[in-house]
Amino acid sequence: MGIKKQGLLQALGVAAYCAFMGLLIGNGNNVFGNLGLPFGPVFMLLLLSASVLICAAIVLYKPYKLFIADKKKEALDTVIFTAVWLFVFVILFIGALIIFK
């Protein structure tokens, strides 16, 4: 698979995960009820930590394998293309917010 396509797929994975988490957080009271103190803030921090780990795994697993295989340029290019695609998705999302709001 090409590096550009790999970057796109990884960025799509992160965007899909973020969309899922956004829906979960947006409907948090319906799903979990009112957690209140101290459970609400603790839950959000745990969710943030888990989300960082999941996003890092999505973005960095393939580059890690490439780096270990001594394909350092391909590993760096994959991370860069993933970041570029994520930036494109952010711009598209902001554009959609402006258009549909």
PDB file of N, CA and C in Angstrom:
ATOM      1  N   MET A   1       0.856  -1.176   0.000  1.00  0.00           N
ATOM      2  CA  MET A   1       0.000   0.000   0.000  1.00  0.00           C
ATOM      3  C   MET A   1       0.898   1.234   0.000  1.00  0.00           C
ATOM      4  N   GLY A   2       0.489   2.235  -0.750  1.00  0.00           N
ATOM      5  CA  GLY A   2       1.273   3.459  -0.849  1.00  0.00           C
ATOM      6  C   GLY A   2       1.248   4.258   0.443  1.00  0.00           C
ATOM      7  N   ILE A   3       2.253   5.087   0.615  1.00  0.00           N
ATOM      8  CA  ILE A   3       2.377   5.879   1.835  1.00  0.00           C
ATOM      9  C   ILE A   3       1.244   6.901   1.932  1.00  0.00           C
ATOM     10  N   LYS A   4       0.879   7.514   0.803  1.00  0.00           N
ATOM     11  CA  LYS A   4      -0.210   8.503   0.833  1.00  0.00           C
ATOM     12  C   LYS A   4      -1.527   7.839   1.233  1.00  0.00           C
ATOM     13  N   LYS A   5      -1.783   6.637   0.688  1.00  0.00           N
ATOM     14  CA  LYS A   5      -3.011   5.918   1.017  1.00  0.00           C
ATOM     15  C   LYS A   5      -2.989   5.476   2.479  1.00  0.00           C
ATOM     16  N   GLN A   6      -1.831   5.038   2.956  1.00  0.00           N
ATOM     17  CA  GLN A   6      -1.705   4.641   4.359  1.00  0.00           C
ATOM     18  C   GLN A   6      -1.994   5.833   5.267  1.00  0.00           C
ATOM     19  N   GLY A   7      -1.451   6.991   4.929  1.00  0.00           N
ATOM     20  CA  GLY A   7      -1.722   8.198   5.706  1.00  0.00           C
ATOM     21  C   GLY A   7      -3.194   8.554   5.708  1.00  0.00           C
ATOM     22  N   LEU A   8      -3.833   8.425   4.542  1.00  0.00           N
ATOM     23  CA  LEU A   8      -5.266   8.705   4.442  1.00  0.00           C
ATOM     24  C   LEU A   8      -6.065   7.754   5.317  1.00  0.00           C
ATOM     25  N   LEU A   9      -5.758   6.468   5.255  1.00  0.00           N
ATOM     26  CA  LEU A   9      -6.506   5.489   6.039  1.00  0.00           C
ATOM     27  C   LEU A   9      -6.312   5.698   7.537  1.00  0.00           C
ATOM     28  N   GLN A  10      -5.098   6.021   7.940  1.00  0.00           N
ATOM     29  CA  GLN A  10      -4.859   6.293   9.355  1.00  0.00           C
ATOM     30  C   GLN A  10      -5.609   7.540   9.803  1.00  0.00           C
ATOM     31  N   ALA A  11      -5.601   8.572   8.979  1.00  0.00           N
ATOM     32  CA  ALA A  11      -6.324   9.804   9.318  1.00  0.00           C
ATOM     33  C   ALA A  11      -7.825   9.549   9.364  1.00  0.00           C
ATOM     34  N   LEU A  12      -8.329   8.726   8.452  1.00  0.00           N
ATOM     35  CA  LEU A  12      -9.751   8.367   8.487  1.00  0.00           C
ATOM     36  C   LEU A  12     -10.086   7.606   9.767  1.00  0.00           C
ATOM     37  N   GLY A  13      -9.177   6.726  10.187  1.00  0.00           N
ATOM     38  CA  GLY A  13      -9.389   5.994  11.433  1.00  0.00           C
ATOM     39  C   GLY A  13      -9.466   6.923  12.635  1.00  0.00           C
ATOM     40  N   VAL A  14      -8.567   7.889  12.689  1.00  0.00           N
ATOM     41  CA  VAL A  14      -8.582   8.852  13.792  1.00  0.00           C
ATOM     42  C   VAL A  14      -9.841   9.717  13.718  1.00  0.00           C
ATOM     43  N   ALA A  15     -10.211  10.157  12.514  1.00  0.00           N
ATOM     44  CA  ALA A  15     -11.410  10.992  12.360  1.00  0.00           C
ATOM     45  C   ALA A  15     -12.669  10.214  12.756  1.00  0.00           C
ATOM     46  N   ALA A  16     -12.752   8.951  12.358  1.00  0.00           N
ATOM     47  CA  ALA A  16     -13.911   8.127  12.724  1.00  0.00           C
ATOM     48  C   ALA A  16     -13.959   7.919  14.241  1.00  0.00           C
ATOM     49  N   TYR A  17     -12.811   7.669  14.844  1.00  0.00           N
ATOM     50  CA  TYR A  17     -12.768   7.500  16.294  1.00  0.00           C
ATOM     51  C   TYR A  17     -13.180   8.795  17.001  1.00  0.00           C
ATOM     52  N   CYS A  18     -12.690   9.930  16.516  1.00  0.00           N
ATOM     53  CA  CYS A  18     -13.063  11.212  17.115  1.00  0.00           C
ATOM     54  C   CYS A  18     -14.557  11.484  16.954  1.00  0.00           C
ATOM     55  N   ALA A  19     -15.118  11.134  15.793  1.00  0.00           N
ATOM     56  CA  ALA A  19     -16.556  11.315  15.581  1.00  0.00           C
ATOM     57  C   ALA A  19     -17.352  10.450  16.553  1.00  0.00           C
ATOM     58  N   PHE A  20     -16.923   9.203  16.730  1.00  0.00           N
ATOM     59  CA  PHE A  20     -17.598   8.311  17.670  1.00  0.00           C
ATOM     60  C   PHE A  20     -17.528   8.859  19.096  1.00  0.00           C
ATOM     61  N   MET A  21     -16.340   9.311  19.495  1.00  0.00           N
ATOM     62  CA  MET A  21     -16.187   9.839  20.849  1.00  0.00           C
ATOM     63  C   MET A  21     -16.980  11.140  21.020  1.00  0.00           C
ATOM     64  N   GLY A  22     -17.033  11.959  19.967  1.00  0.00           N
ATOM     65  CA  GLY A  22     -17.838  13.178  20.030  1.00  0.00           C
ATOM     66  C   GLY A  22     -19.311  12.869  20.232  1.00  0.00           C
ATOM     67  N   LEU A  23     -19.803  11.854  19.518  1.00  0.00           N
ATOM     68  CA  LEU A  23     -21.198  11.443  19.705  1.00  0.00           C
ATOM     69  C   LEU A  23     -21.421  10.895  21.112  1.00  0.00           C
ATOM     70  N   LEU A  24     -20.469  10.116  21.600  1.00  0.00           N
ATOM     71  CA  LEU A  24     -20.591   9.561  22.948  1.00  0.00           C
ATOM     72  C   LEU A  24     -20.607  10.658  23.996  1.00  0.00           C
ATOM     73  N   ILE A  25     -19.708  11.616  23.877  1.00  0.00           N
ATOM     74  CA  ILE A  25     -19.647  12.704  24.852  1.00  0.00           C
ATOM     75  C   ILE A  25     -20.874  13.605  24.723  1.00  0.00           C
ATOM     76  N   GLY A  26     -21.296  13.855  23.476  1.00  0.00           N
ATOM     77  CA  GLY A  26     -22.473  14.697  23.264  1.00  0.00           C
ATOM     78  C   GLY A  26     -23.739  14.107  23.853  1.00  0.00           C
ATOM     79  N   ASN A  27     -23.811  12.780  23.890  1.00  0.00           N
ATOM     80  CA  ASN A  27     -24.977  12.095  24.464  1.00  0.00           C
ATOM     81  C   ASN A  27     -24.645  11.447  25.800  1.00  0.00           C
ATOM     82  N   GLY A  28     -23.632  11.980  26.472  1.00  0.00           N
ATOM     83  CA  GLY A  28     -23.158  11.377  27.711  1.00  0.00           C
ATOM     84  C   GLY A  28     -24.209  11.280  28.797  1.00  0.00           C
ATOM     85  N   ASN A  29     -25.019  12.312  28.962  1.00  0.00           N
ATOM     86  CA  ASN A  29     -26.056  12.255  29.993  1.00  0.00           C
ATOM     87  C   ASN A  29     -27.094  11.191  29.681  1.00  0.00           C
ATOM     88  N   ASN A  30     -27.397  10.992  28.397  1.00  0.00           N
ATOM     89  CA  ASN A  30     -28.361   9.954  28.029  1.00  0.00           C
ATOM     90  C   ASN A  30     -27.780   8.555  28.234  1.00  0.00           C
ATOM     91  N   VAL A  31     -26.489   8.417  27.960  1.00  0.00           N
ATOM     92  CA  VAL A  31     -25.846   7.110  28.044  1.00  0.00           C
ATOM     93  C   VAL A  31     -25.489   6.760  29.483  1.00  0.00           C
ATOM     94  N   PHE A  32     -24.841   7.692  30.183  1.00  0.00           N
ATOM     95  CA  PHE A  32     -24.314   7.398  31.513  1.00  0.00           C
ATOM     96  C   PHE A  32     -25.106   8.037  32.644  1.00  0.00           C
ATOM     97  N   GLY A  33     -25.991   8.952  32.325  1.00  0.00           N
ATOM     98  CA  GLY A  33     -26.664   9.712  33.366  1.00  0.00           C
ATOM     99  C   GLY A  33     -25.739  10.806  33.882  1.00  0.00           C
ATOM    100  N   ASN A  34     -26.188  11.527  34.875  1.00  0.00           N
ATOM    101  CA  ASN A  34     -25.365  12.588  35.469  1.00  0.00           C
ATOM    102  C   ASN A  34     -24.411  11.946  36.469  1.00  0.00           C
ATOM    103  N   LEU A  35     -23.120  11.931  36.144  1.00  0.00           N
ATOM    104  CA  LEU A  35     -22.138  11.277  37.005  1.00  0.00           C
ATOM    105  C   LEU A  35     -21.781  12.113  38.217  1.00  0.00           C
ATOM    106  N   GLY A  36     -21.792  13.425  38.080  1.00  0.00           N
ATOM    107  CA  GLY A  36     -21.484  14.298  39.205  1.00  0.00           C
ATOM    108  C   GLY A  36     -20.042  14.196  39.644  1.00  0.00           C
ATOM    109  N   LEU A  37     -19.745  14.864  40.758  1.00  0.00           N
ATOM    110  CA  LEU A  37     -18.388  14.865  41.309  1.00  0.00           C
ATOM    111  C   LEU A  37     -18.204  13.635  42.177  1.00  0.00           C
ATOM    112  N   PRO A  38     -17.074  13.045  42.246  1.00  0.00           N
ATOM    113  CA  PRO A  38     -15.854  13.202  41.458  1.00  0.00           C
ATOM    114  C   PRO A  38     -15.831  12.327  40.214  1.00  0.00           C
ATOM    115  N   PHE A  39     -16.895  11.560  39.987  1.00  0.00           N
ATOM    116  CA  PHE A  39     -16.869  10.558  38.921  1.00  0.00           C
ATOM    117  C   PHE A  39     -16.830  11.163  37.526  1.00  0.00           C
ATOM    118  N   GLY A  40     -17.505  12.257  37.287  1.00  0.00           N
ATOM    119  CA  GLY A  40     -17.517  12.891  35.969  1.00  0.00           C
ATOM    120  C   GLY A  40     -16.134  13.321  35.509  1.00  0.00           C
ATOM    121  N   PRO A  41     -15.420  14.135  36.285  1.00  0.00           N
ATOM    122  CA  PRO A  41     -14.072  14.548  35.871  1.00  0.00           C
ATOM    123  C   PRO A  41     -13.089  13.375  35.762  1.00  0.00           C
ATOM    124  N   VAL A  42     -13.189  12.420  36.675  1.00  0.00           N
ATOM    125  CA  VAL A  42     -12.297  11.257  36.609  1.00  0.00           C
ATOM    126  C   VAL A  42     -12.576  10.463  35.338  1.00  0.00           C
ATOM    127  N   PHE A  43     -13.851  10.267  35.015  1.00  0.00           N
ATOM    128  CA  PHE A  43     -14.215   9.547  33.799  1.00  0.00           C
ATOM    129  C   PHE A  43     -13.687  10.267  32.563  1.00  0.00           C
ATOM    130  N   MET A  44     -13.818  11.590  32.516  1.00  0.00           N
ATOM    131  CA  MET A  44     -13.344  12.339  31.352  1.00  0.00           C
ATOM    132  C   MET A  44     -11.829  12.250  31.212  1.00  0.00           C
ATOM    133  N   LEU A  45     -11.100  12.303  32.314  1.00  0.00           N
ATOM    134  CA  LEU A  45      -9.640  12.181  32.241  1.00  0.00           C
ATOM    135  C   LEU A  45      -9.217  10.780  31.815  1.00  0.00           C
ATOM    136  N   LEU A  46      -9.904   9.765  32.299  1.00  0.00           N
ATOM    137  CA  LEU A  46      -9.612   8.400  31.868  1.00  0.00           C
ATOM    138  C   LEU A  46      -9.934   8.222  30.390  1.00  0.00           C
ATOM    139  N   LEU A  47     -11.043   8.801  29.953  1.00  0.00           N
ATOM    140  CA  LEU A  47     -11.420   8.737  28.546  1.00  0.00           C
ATOM    141  C   LEU A  47     -10.404   9.462  27.676  1.00  0.00           C
ATOM    142  N   LEU A  48      -9.918  10.607  28.137  1.00  0.00           N
ATOM    143  CA  LEU A  48      -8.882  11.340  27.410  1.00  0.00           C
ATOM    144  C   LEU A  48      -7.609  10.506  27.297  1.00  0.00           C
ATOM    145  N   SER A  49      -7.186   9.896  28.395  1.00  0.00           N
ATOM    146  CA  SER A  49      -5.969   9.077  28.373  1.00  0.00           C
ATOM    147  C   SER A  49      -6.105   7.889  27.437  1.00  0.00           C
ATOM    148  N   ALA A  50      -7.242   7.225  27.484  1.00  0.00           N
ATOM    149  CA  ALA A  50      -7.472   6.087  26.595  1.00  0.00           C
ATOM    150  C   ALA A  50      -7.534   6.549  25.139  1.00  0.00           C
ATOM    151  N   SER A  51      -8.142   7.701  24.891  1.00  0.00           N
ATOM    152  CA  SER A  51      -8.246   8.209  23.526  1.00  0.00           C
ATOM    153  C   SER A  51      -6.886   8.573  22.952  1.00  0.00           C
ATOM    154  N   VAL A  52      -6.025   9.155  23.768  1.00  0.00           N
ATOM    155  CA  VAL A  52      -4.671   9.482  23.312  1.00  0.00           C
ATOM    156  C   VAL A  52      -3.936   8.199  22.938  1.00  0.00           C
ATOM    157  N   LEU A  53      -4.063   7.183  23.759  1.00  0.00           N
ATOM    158  CA  LEU A  53      -3.405   5.905  23.489  1.00  0.00           C
ATOM    159  C   LEU A  53      -3.941   5.265  22.212  1.00  0.00           C
ATOM    160  N   ILE A  54      -5.250   5.287  22.021  1.00  0.00           N
ATOM    161  CA  ILE A  54      -5.854   4.697  20.825  1.00  0.00           C
ATOM    162  C   ILE A  54      -5.442   5.458  19.573  1.00  0.00           C
ATOM    163  N   CYS A  55      -5.487   6.773  19.612  1.00  0.00           N
ATOM    164  CA  CYS A  55      -5.085   7.575  18.448  1.00  0.00           C
ATOM    165  C   CYS A  55      -3.597   7.386  18.138  1.00  0.00           C
ATOM    166  N   ALA A  56      -2.772   7.301  19.166  1.00  0.00           N
ATOM    167  CA  ALA A  56      -1.345   7.053  18.944  1.00  0.00           C
ATOM    168  C   ALA A  56      -1.131   5.693  18.299  1.00  0.00           C
ATOM    169  N   ALA A  57      -1.882   4.702  18.732  1.00  0.00           N
ATOM    170  CA  ALA A  57      -1.752   3.370  18.131  1.00  0.00           C
ATOM    171  C   ALA A  57      -2.177   3.391  16.668  1.00  0.00           C
ATOM    172  N   ILE A  58      -3.262   4.099  16.361  1.00  0.00           N
ATOM    173  CA  ILE A  58      -3.728   4.183  14.971  1.00  0.00           C
ATOM    174  C   ILE A  58      -2.680   4.863  14.095  1.00  0.00           C
ATOM    175  N   VAL A  59      -2.116   5.953  14.582  1.00  0.00           N
ATOM    176  CA  VAL A  59      -1.201   6.758  13.772  1.00  0.00           C
ATOM    177  C   VAL A  59       0.215   6.186  13.741  1.00  0.00           C
ATOM    178  N   LEU A  60       0.681   5.614  14.832  1.00  0.00           N
ATOM    179  CA  LEU A  60       2.106   5.290  14.935  1.00  0.00           C
ATOM    180  C   LEU A  60       2.451   3.811  14.775  1.00  0.00           C
ATOM    181  N   TYR A  61       1.470   2.910  14.702  1.00  0.00           N
ATOM    182  CA  TYR A  61       1.799   1.485  14.622  1.00  0.00           C
ATOM    183  C   TYR A  61       2.553   1.147  13.335  1.00  0.00           C
ATOM    184  N   LYS A  62       2.009   1.547  12.202  1.00  0.00           N
ATOM    185  CA  LYS A  62       2.657   1.253  10.922  1.00  0.00           C
ATOM    186  C   LYS A  62       4.016   1.958  10.794  1.00  0.00           C
ATOM    187  N   PRO A  63       4.131   3.253  11.130  1.00  0.00           N
ATOM    188  CA  PRO A  63       5.452   3.876  11.084  1.00  0.00           C
ATOM    189  C   PRO A  63       6.467   3.195  12.021  1.00  0.00           C
ATOM    190  N   TYR A  64       5.998   2.725  13.159  1.00  0.00           N
ATOM    191  CA  TYR A  64       6.893   2.006  14.072  1.00  0.00           C
ATOM    192  C   TYR A  64       7.434   0.750  13.397  1.00  0.00           C
ATOM    193  N   LYS A  65       6.544  -0.006  12.744  1.00  0.00           N
ATOM    194  CA  LYS A  65       6.990  -1.218  12.050  1.00  0.00           C
ATOM    195  C   LYS A  65       7.975  -0.876  10.933  1.00  0.00           C
ATOM    196  N   LEU A  66       7.718   0.199  10.203  1.00  0.00           N
ATOM    197  CA  LEU A  66       8.640   0.619   9.152  1.00  0.00           C
ATOM    198  C   LEU A  66       9.982   1.053   9.730  1.00  0.00           C
ATOM    199  N   PHE A  67       9.945   1.780  10.833  1.00  0.00           N
ATOM    200  CA  PHE A  67      11.183   2.255  11.455  1.00  0.00           C
ATOM    201  C   PHE A  67      12.036   1.082  11.933  1.00  0.00           C
ATOM    202  N   ILE A  68      11.404   0.097  12.536  1.00  0.00           N
ATOM    203  CA  ILE A  68      12.126  -1.085  13.014  1.00  0.00           C
ATOM    204  C   ILE A  68      12.715  -1.860  11.839  1.00  0.00           C
ATOM    205  N   ALA A  69      12.026  -1.838  10.693  1.00  0.00           N
ATOM    206  CA  ALA A  69      12.518  -2.513   9.489  1.00  0.00           C
ATOM    207  C   ALA A  69      13.560  -1.662   8.760  1.00  0.00           C
ATOM    208  N   ASP A  70      14.050  -0.610   9.406  1.00  0.00           N
ATOM    209  CA  ASP A  70      15.068   0.295   8.869  1.00  0.00           C
ATOM    210  C   ASP A  70      14.591   1.038   7.614  1.00  0.00           C
ATOM    211  N   LYS A  71      13.299   1.353   7.581  1.00  0.00           N
ATOM    212  CA  LYS A  71      12.719   2.175   6.517  1.00  0.00           C
ATOM    213  C   LYS A  71      12.295   3.504   7.144  1.00  0.00           C
ATOM    214  N   LYS A  72      13.292   4.246   7.604  1.00  0.00           N
ATOM    215  CA  LYS A  72      13.037   5.459   8.374  1.00  0.00           C
ATOM    216  C   LYS A  72      12.370   6.549   7.555  1.00  0.00           C
ATOM    217  N   LYS A  73      12.742   6.703   6.303  1.00  0.00           N
ATOM    218  CA  LYS A  73      12.121   7.732   5.460  1.00  0.00           C
ATOM    219  C   LYS A  73      10.643   7.428   5.242  1.00  0.00           C
ATOM    220  N   GLU A  74      10.322   6.164   4.965  1.00  0.00           N
ATOM    221  CA  GLU A  74       8.926   5.787   4.766  1.00  0.00           C
ATOM    222  C   GLU A  74       8.116   5.986   6.048  1.00  0.00           C
ATOM    223  N   ALA A  75       8.742   5.689   7.198  1.00  0.00           N
ATOM    224  CA  ALA A  75       8.062   5.881   8.474  1.00  0.00           C
ATOM    225  C   ALA A  75       7.739   7.354   8.698  1.00  0.00           C
ATOM    226  N   LEU A  76       8.706   8.212   8.468  1.00  0.00           N
ATOM    227  CA  LEU A  76       8.490   9.646   8.646  1.00  0.00           C
ATOM    228  C   LEU A  76       7.465  10.174   7.639  1.00  0.00           C
ATOM    229  N   ASP A  77       7.559   9.730   6.390  1.00  0.00           N
ATOM    230  CA  ASP A  77       6.598  10.161   5.375  1.00  0.00           C
ATOM    231  C   ASP A  77       5.172   9.743   5.736  1.00  0.00           C
ATOM    232  N   THR A  78       5.011   8.559   6.305  1.00  0.00           N
ATOM    233  CA  THR A  78       3.686   8.095   6.706  1.00  0.00           C
ATOM    234  C   THR A  78       3.105   8.993   7.794  1.00  0.00           C
ATOM    235  N   VAL A  79       3.918   9.349   8.767  1.00  0.00           N
ATOM    236  CA  VAL A  79       3.452  10.245   9.830  1.00  0.00           C
ATOM    237  C   VAL A  79       3.096  11.614   9.254  1.00  0.00           C
ATOM    238  N   ILE A  80       3.922  12.111   8.353  1.00  0.00           N
ATOM    239  CA  ILE A  80       3.659  13.420   7.745  1.00  0.00           C
ATOM    240  C   ILE A  80       2.376  13.399   6.927  1.00  0.00           C
ATOM    241  N   PHE A  81       2.177  12.371   6.108  1.00  0.00           N
ATOM    242  CA  PHE A  81       0.954  12.301   5.300  1.00  0.00           C
ATOM    243  C   PHE A  81      -0.280  12.135   6.179  1.00  0.00           C
ATOM    244  N   THR A  82      -0.151  11.398   7.277  1.00  0.00           N
ATOM    245  CA  THR A  82      -1.276  11.283   8.203  1.00  0.00           C
ATOM    246  C   THR A  82      -1.615  12.646   8.799  1.00  0.00           C
ATOM    247  N   ALA A  83      -0.597  13.399   9.193  1.00  0.00           N
ATOM    248  CA  ALA A  83      -0.825  14.734   9.756  1.00  0.00           C
ATOM    249  C   ALA A  83      -1.454  15.665   8.720  1.00  0.00           C
ATOM    250  N   VAL A  84      -0.995  15.580   7.480  1.00  0.00           N
ATOM    251  CA  VAL A  84      -1.561  16.422   6.416  1.00  0.00           C
ATOM    252  C   VAL A  84      -3.031  16.077   6.203  1.00  0.00           C
ATOM    253  N   TRP A  85      -3.346  14.784   6.133  1.00  0.00           N
ATOM    254  CA  TRP A  85      -4.739  14.383   5.943  1.00  0.00           C
ATOM    255  C   TRP A  85      -5.605  14.812   7.129  1.00  0.00           C
ATOM    256  N   LEU A  86      -5.087  14.690   8.338  1.00  0.00           N
ATOM    257  CA  LEU A  86      -5.854  15.150   9.497  1.00  0.00           C
ATOM    258  C   LEU A  86      -6.111  16.653   9.422  1.00  0.00           C
ATOM    259  N   PHE A  87      -5.122  17.413   8.975  1.00  0.00           N
ATOM    260  CA  PHE A  87      -5.306  18.851   8.800  1.00  0.00           C
ATOM    261  C   PHE A  87      -6.384  19.126   7.750  1.00  0.00           C
ATOM    262  N   VAL A  88      -6.375  18.372   6.662  1.00  0.00           N
ATOM    263  CA  VAL A  88      -7.412  18.515   5.622  1.00  0.00           C
ATOM    264  C   VAL A  88      -8.789  18.234   6.219  1.00  0.00           C
ATOM    265  N   PHE A  89      -8.897  17.173   7.025  1.00  0.00           N
ATOM    266  CA  PHE A  89     -10.184  16.851   7.645  1.00  0.00           C
ATOM    267  C   PHE A  89     -10.640  17.952   8.591  1.00  0.00           C
ATOM    268  N   VAL A  90      -9.716  18.555   9.322  1.00  0.00           N
ATOM    269  CA  VAL A  90     -10.072  19.664  10.221  1.00  0.00           C
ATOM    270  C   VAL A  90     -10.597  20.843   9.406  1.00  0.00           C
ATOM    271  N   ILE A  91      -9.919  21.179   8.313  1.00  0.00           N
ATOM    272  CA  ILE A  91     -10.377  22.287   7.459  1.00  0.00           C
ATOM    273  C   ILE A  91     -11.751  21.981   6.871  1.00  0.00           C
ATOM    274  N   LEU A  92     -11.957  20.749   6.408  1.00  0.00           N
ATOM    275  CA  LEU A  92     -13.271  20.360   5.876  1.00  0.00           C
ATOM    276  C   LEU A  92     -14.348  20.442   6.953  1.00  0.00           C
ATOM    277  N   PHE A  93     -14.032  20.025   8.160  1.00  0.00           N
ATOM    278  CA  PHE A  93     -14.986  20.084   9.253  1.00  0.00           C
ATOM    279  C   PHE A  93     -15.341  21.530   9.596  1.00  0.00           C
ATOM    280  N   ILE A  94     -14.342  22.389   9.651  1.00  0.00           N
ATOM    281  CA  ILE A  94     -14.604  23.810   9.913  1.00  0.00           C
ATOM    282  C   ILE A  94     -15.447  24.402   8.785  1.00  0.00           C
ATOM    283  N   GLY A  95     -15.143  24.044   7.544  1.00  0.00           N
ATOM    284  CA  GLY A  95     -15.944  24.500   6.416  1.00  0.00           C
ATOM    285  C   GLY A  95     -17.384  24.037   6.508  1.00  0.00           C
ATOM    286  N   ALA A  96     -17.575  22.768   6.905  1.00  0.00           N
ATOM    287  CA  ALA A  96     -18.935  22.241   7.077  1.00  0.00           C
ATOM    288  C   ALA A  96     -19.663  22.970   8.197  1.00  0.00           C
ATOM    289  N   LEU A  97     -18.959  23.295   9.263  1.00  0.00           N
ATOM    290  CA  LEU A  97     -19.592  24.050  10.358  1.00  0.00           C
ATOM    291  C   LEU A  97     -20.033  25.431   9.897  1.00  0.00           C
ATOM    292  N   ILE A  98     -19.198  26.070   9.102  1.00  0.00           N
ATOM    293  CA  ILE A  98     -19.546  27.408   8.616  1.00  0.00           C
ATOM    294  C   ILE A  98     -20.726  27.343   7.655  1.00  0.00           C
ATOM    295  N   ILE A  99     -20.713  26.362   6.767  1.00  0.00           N
ATOM    296  CA  ILE A  99     -21.780  26.248   5.769  1.00  0.00           C
ATOM    297  C   ILE A  99     -23.115  25.846   6.389  1.00  0.00           C
ATOM    298  N   PHE A 100     -23.095  24.865   7.287  1.00  0.00           N
ATOM    299  CA  PHE A 100     -24.335  24.294   7.779  1.00  0.00           C
ATOM    300  C   PHE A 100     -24.818  24.881   9.097  1.00  0.00           C
ATOM    301  N   LYS A 101     -24.118  25.860   9.631  1.00  0.00           N
ATOM    302  CA  LYS A 101     -24.567  26.441  10.894  1.00  0.00           C
ATOM    303  C   LYS A 101     -25.488  27.598  10.689  1.00  0.00           C
TER     304      LYS A 101
END
